[in-house]
N, C-alpha and C. Protein backbone atom coordinates (compact mmCIF):
# COMPACT_ATOMS: atom_id res chain seq x y z
N UNK A 1 16.91 -8.08 1.74
CA UNK A 1 16.09 -9.16 1.23
C UNK A 1 14.91 -8.57 0.46
N UNK A 2 14.72 -9.04 -0.75
CA UNK A 2 13.60 -8.59 -1.54
C UNK A 2 13.80 -7.24 -2.21
N UNK A 3 15.06 -6.79 -2.31
CA UNK A 3 15.31 -5.49 -2.92
C UNK A 3 14.83 -5.51 -4.37
N UNK A 4 14.05 -4.50 -4.72
CA UNK A 4 13.55 -4.40 -6.08
C UNK A 4 12.24 -5.13 -6.34
N UNK A 5 11.77 -5.86 -5.37
CA UNK A 5 10.50 -6.58 -5.53
C UNK A 5 9.33 -5.66 -5.21
N UNK A 6 8.22 -5.89 -5.90
CA UNK A 6 7.01 -5.12 -5.62
C UNK A 6 6.45 -5.52 -4.26
N UNK A 7 5.77 -4.60 -3.60
CA UNK A 7 5.14 -4.94 -2.32
C UNK A 7 4.02 -5.95 -2.51
N UNK A 8 3.70 -6.65 -1.45
CA UNK A 8 2.63 -7.65 -1.46
C UNK A 8 1.29 -6.99 -1.21
N UNK A 9 1.28 -5.93 -0.41
CA UNK A 9 0.04 -5.25 -0.04
C UNK A 9 0.36 -3.79 0.28
N UNK A 10 -0.56 -2.89 -0.04
CA UNK A 10 -0.38 -1.47 0.23
C UNK A 10 -1.15 -1.13 1.51
N UNK A 11 -0.45 -0.48 2.45
CA UNK A 11 -1.04 -0.11 3.75
C UNK A 11 -1.09 1.40 3.89
N UNK A 12 -2.01 1.88 4.70
CA UNK A 12 -2.00 3.27 5.14
C UNK A 12 -0.94 3.40 6.24
N UNK A 13 -0.49 4.61 6.48
CA UNK A 13 0.61 4.83 7.43
C UNK A 13 0.34 4.39 8.86
N UNK A 14 -0.92 4.39 9.27
CA UNK A 14 -1.23 4.05 10.66
C UNK A 14 -1.76 2.63 10.83
N UNK A 15 -1.55 1.77 9.85
CA UNK A 15 -2.08 0.41 9.91
C UNK A 15 -1.39 -0.42 10.99
N UNK A 16 -2.17 -1.17 11.72
CA UNK A 16 -1.62 -2.03 12.76
C UNK A 16 -0.99 -3.30 12.17
N UNK A 17 -1.28 -3.60 10.90
CA UNK A 17 -0.81 -4.84 10.28
C UNK A 17 0.51 -4.68 9.53
N UNK A 18 1.21 -3.57 9.72
CA UNK A 18 2.50 -3.40 9.07
C UNK A 18 3.58 -4.07 9.90
N UNK A 19 4.64 -4.40 9.23
CA UNK A 19 5.76 -5.07 9.92
C UNK A 19 7.04 -4.30 9.63
N UNK A 20 8.15 -4.79 10.07
CA UNK A 20 9.41 -4.09 9.93
C UNK A 20 9.86 -3.94 8.47
N UNK A 21 9.29 -4.71 7.58
CA UNK A 21 9.68 -4.62 6.17
C UNK A 21 8.88 -3.57 5.40
N UNK A 22 8.03 -2.85 6.05
CA UNK A 22 7.20 -1.84 5.39
C UNK A 22 7.97 -0.54 5.26
N UNK A 23 7.69 0.18 4.19
CA UNK A 23 8.29 1.49 3.98
C UNK A 23 7.18 2.49 3.67
N UNK A 24 7.31 3.71 4.15
CA UNK A 24 6.27 4.70 3.88
C UNK A 24 6.25 5.10 2.40
N UNK A 25 5.08 5.45 1.94
CA UNK A 25 4.90 5.91 0.56
C UNK A 25 3.97 7.11 0.57
N UNK A 26 4.17 8.00 -0.38
CA UNK A 26 3.25 9.14 -0.45
C UNK A 26 2.02 8.75 -1.26
N UNK A 27 1.05 9.63 -1.30
CA UNK A 27 -0.24 9.32 -1.94
C UNK A 27 -0.07 8.96 -3.41
N UNK A 28 0.81 9.64 -4.14
CA UNK A 28 1.02 9.33 -5.56
C UNK A 28 1.63 7.94 -5.74
N UNK A 29 2.56 7.57 -4.88
CA UNK A 29 3.16 6.23 -4.94
C UNK A 29 2.11 5.16 -4.64
N UNK A 30 1.25 5.42 -3.67
CA UNK A 30 0.20 4.46 -3.33
C UNK A 30 -0.74 4.28 -4.51
N UNK A 31 -1.14 5.38 -5.14
CA UNK A 31 -2.02 5.29 -6.31
C UNK A 31 -1.35 4.47 -7.43
N UNK A 32 -0.06 4.69 -7.65
CA UNK A 32 0.66 3.97 -8.70
C UNK A 32 0.73 2.48 -8.38
N UNK A 33 0.99 2.14 -7.13
CA UNK A 33 1.05 0.72 -6.73
C UNK A 33 -0.31 0.05 -6.90
N UNK A 34 -1.37 0.75 -6.50
CA UNK A 34 -2.71 0.19 -6.66
C UNK A 34 -3.04 0.01 -8.14
N UNK A 35 -2.61 0.95 -8.98
CA UNK A 35 -2.84 0.86 -10.43
C UNK A 35 -2.08 -0.32 -11.05
N UNK A 36 -0.98 -0.72 -10.42
CA UNK A 36 -0.19 -1.86 -10.89
C UNK A 36 -0.80 -3.19 -10.46
N UNK A 37 -1.84 -3.11 -9.66
CA UNK A 37 -2.50 -4.34 -9.23
C UNK A 37 -2.10 -4.84 -7.86
N UNK A 38 -1.31 -4.06 -7.12
CA UNK A 38 -0.95 -4.46 -5.76
C UNK A 38 -2.20 -4.26 -4.91
N UNK A 39 -2.64 -5.29 -4.19
CA UNK A 39 -3.87 -5.15 -3.41
C UNK A 39 -3.72 -4.23 -2.20
N UNK A 40 -4.82 -3.58 -1.86
CA UNK A 40 -4.85 -2.73 -0.67
C UNK A 40 -5.11 -3.60 0.55
N UNK A 41 -4.57 -3.18 1.67
CA UNK A 41 -4.78 -3.87 2.93
C UNK A 41 -6.27 -3.82 3.29
N UNK A 42 -6.85 -4.94 3.70
CA UNK A 42 -8.26 -4.93 4.07
C UNK A 42 -8.53 -4.28 5.43
N UNK A 43 -7.47 -4.09 6.23
CA UNK A 43 -7.63 -3.54 7.58
C UNK A 43 -7.59 -2.01 7.59
N UNK A 44 -6.85 -1.41 6.67
CA UNK A 44 -6.67 0.05 6.65
C UNK A 44 -6.83 0.56 5.22
N UNK A 45 -7.86 0.26 4.55
CA UNK A 45 -7.97 0.43 3.09
C UNK A 45 -7.48 1.78 2.56
N UNK A 46 -6.21 1.87 2.16
CA UNK A 46 -5.69 3.15 1.65
C UNK A 46 -6.39 3.54 0.34
N UNK A 47 -6.89 2.56 -0.40
CA UNK A 47 -7.59 2.90 -1.63
C UNK A 47 -8.88 3.67 -1.34
N UNK A 48 -9.58 3.29 -0.30
CA UNK A 48 -10.80 4.00 0.10
C UNK A 48 -10.45 5.39 0.63
N UNK A 49 -9.41 5.47 1.45
CA UNK A 49 -8.98 6.74 2.04
C UNK A 49 -8.60 7.73 0.95
N UNK A 50 -7.93 7.24 -0.10
CA UNK A 50 -7.49 8.12 -1.18
C UNK A 50 -8.54 8.31 -2.26
N UNK A 51 -9.63 7.58 -2.18
CA UNK A 51 -10.68 7.71 -3.18
C UNK A 51 -10.37 7.01 -4.48
N UNK A 52 -9.51 5.99 -4.43
CA UNK A 52 -9.16 5.24 -5.63
C UNK A 52 -10.20 4.17 -5.86
N UNK A 53 -10.82 4.20 -7.02
CA UNK A 53 -11.82 3.20 -7.36
C UNK A 53 -11.20 2.16 -8.27
N UNK A 54 -11.56 0.91 -8.05
CA UNK A 54 -11.01 -0.16 -8.88
C UNK A 54 -11.74 -0.25 -10.19
């Protein structure tokens, strides 16, 4: 379900708000997703962790 769709939110690997539909991503993938406008999770801000500024 949802194959090929962009994620709704980007999470850090240890976020408590992830569900079974989440897949791990490396730092470069996370940066690319954030650059595409996918919002970062407010609970585990991977953008702050990686130093990505909006």
